[in-house]
Every structure is written in C-alpha cells, then in structure tokens.
C-alpha cells in the first residue's frame, strides 16, 4: 500500500499573538450606583490604583488617583475617610478635594502648589457609574455618552446586582464573543440559533440573536457602547405561552495589559413578595445567578486558560470575528487615526 508523502501535509499552524501597547479609550462601567458610599472604594484599574467615593455634601460619586503624592499612601487604604466631598489620606490626613487639589493639611501653613492628583471624569446613567479613560488625555466625547435606557427605569425591576471576577487575559478576548456564533452551543448550551446578526455603527456594536430550545423561543439583543459596557436584553417565550424577560450587563475594565476585571450585571422582574424591599430583591437575583451558571460566567474557564491569537483560522460557520476586531481597534488608536469608514452602519448576517 502506497504511503502518502509527509510533504503533502501542511506544516503545523503557528499561532501569532501580541498584546496592545495601550489601554482602550472610552466609558467603562465600574459598578452600580447603589454600591458607592462615603466609604472609599479601592479600584485597581489601568495599571494603577484609584479611589472612588460618594461625597457627603453633594451626593455625587468621585474618582481620584489613589496614591497620595506626599508619601505614597493609598487614599482607599485602611484608615482613609471621606469628609464632605474630600477624601482624607490615612497617613498624614492630607485632604484631597473632588477636583484633585489638596485643600487642607492639618499641620501646614501653606499647601504646596504642586499638590494635585488626577480627578477622573465620571458619569451616572442607567443606575450605573461610568469612568472615562483616554490614554491621550482627551476628555469625554459627547456623542459617545452612555445613553439613557428607559426600560431600566421601569417599575417592577430589581436593582442591578454586579458580580466581579479578575480574568488573566487581555480584555479583547471578551469582546470576541459578540461575533462568535459557534460558541453558544458548547459553552452556553444553546440548542439552536435561528438568527445571528452583527451591526457595527460608529462606537456601537450590536448582536441580534434568536434561538429555540426545549424551553421555548428566545430573542436576544446586546449592544456595546464603546469598548467596556454592553447592555443585553433577553426575552423568552415559553411553551405554555408565558413570557419572561431580564437584562444583563457584560463589562470589562482593564487592570493591566494582561488582565481585566470582568463585571457582570443582572436585573430581573422583582417577585411581588419583595416589593419595596431592595435587600430581598438583591438576594433573589443572587440566588438566580447561582442557580444558572450557563450564562455569562460559563466563558470564564475559557478566558482564564486561552492564549491571545491574532491570526485565528476561521471557517464558513464562524461569525464576523475579524470585522468585530476592526471595530474594536478604533479604541486602541488616537482619535485622528480612527477610520472614517467606521462611522458607517454595517450589517453582517450569519445564518
């Protein structure tokens, strides 16, 4: 029997992967509004440490660089406190205002002129808190503001419940899911995807997906507003004619070039017996999350153990992965380098 020459087989494929050399530009959700109090919260994002707190006077949420330039203490460390709209360093009680300027030193007659730390732009929308990041130092872009979603404010919903997990992978790995039609079966247990559409339009990217299973029919709509905040709606039509719906969030904030904090948010119709009791509603959502682990958390084991791949071998059953990556790249380059073509609305249908 003739043997096939080894030369007729291709060489083993060589995976190529590289990390971005800068963090993405845009609004990043750092949590639900109700999570922030006058107790300083430490956030390790964008390769540094930040402090977030709610001002006692204004009720507004502020985010500052956390390292005090006096002697390097962390403004969110043990012993830190909020006084008025200022955060007090636990080391020597230097007081830092919401604008980042030192406004009081208890043992000094004069405040050094250079005593200023970075104050980060913050916005509150959809009962969430967002932080603006631009590696080039630019301020928030008006047409990229997080839009108000009226459904979030309808009566009868629970508060947002946010779960946080550190992932040792670049945050682009999460974004790939928007175009990855084929993973919904193996990872999320979806039995049949009957419609799969991706829409790219400026800084927004939408996934529309319909499916069928033994539980009935479902309709899903998910939209990224920039690189870090995705709002997802799911409606299920059960075999008995009943209809259910819920909202979720899929979000990321880079912690380093090799890692990100994954924030998953959940909002469900509140059971009648929990009306007027936010704590009971949050407990209900947490129980539901714990009992349904095939949702957004099912990807975690994959993300934690995969490699970065810039040259994926794709087949005709895959979604528009490379198109999605072209869309995401706009947040990794200076504004003047963003292609004008990305402003055009483009639709990719995968049946």
Foldseek 3Di string as FASTA:
>chain_A
DDDDDPVVDDDPDDFDFDFFPADFFAKFFPWFLVVAEQQWDWDQFRQAIKTWHQFPAPRDIWIWGQFFPPPGAGLNDPQWGHDGQWIFGRPQRFTAHSCFAGDDGPPDPDDDPPRGTDIWDWDDELRTIITGDDPVPDDDDVVLPDDHDVVSVDPQKAGKDKDKDKAQAALVVVLLVLFFPVVCCVQQVFDFWPWWKWKFAAQKIKIWTWGQDQQAIKTKIWMDSHSFWIKIKMWGQGPVRDIAIWIKIWGWGHSYSRIIMTMMIIMGRADPVCPPPNVVRNVVVVVVCVVRCSPPVSCRVVRRPDDGGPDDDDDLQTGPSVVSVLSNCCRSDPVVPNDPVSNDMDMTIHD
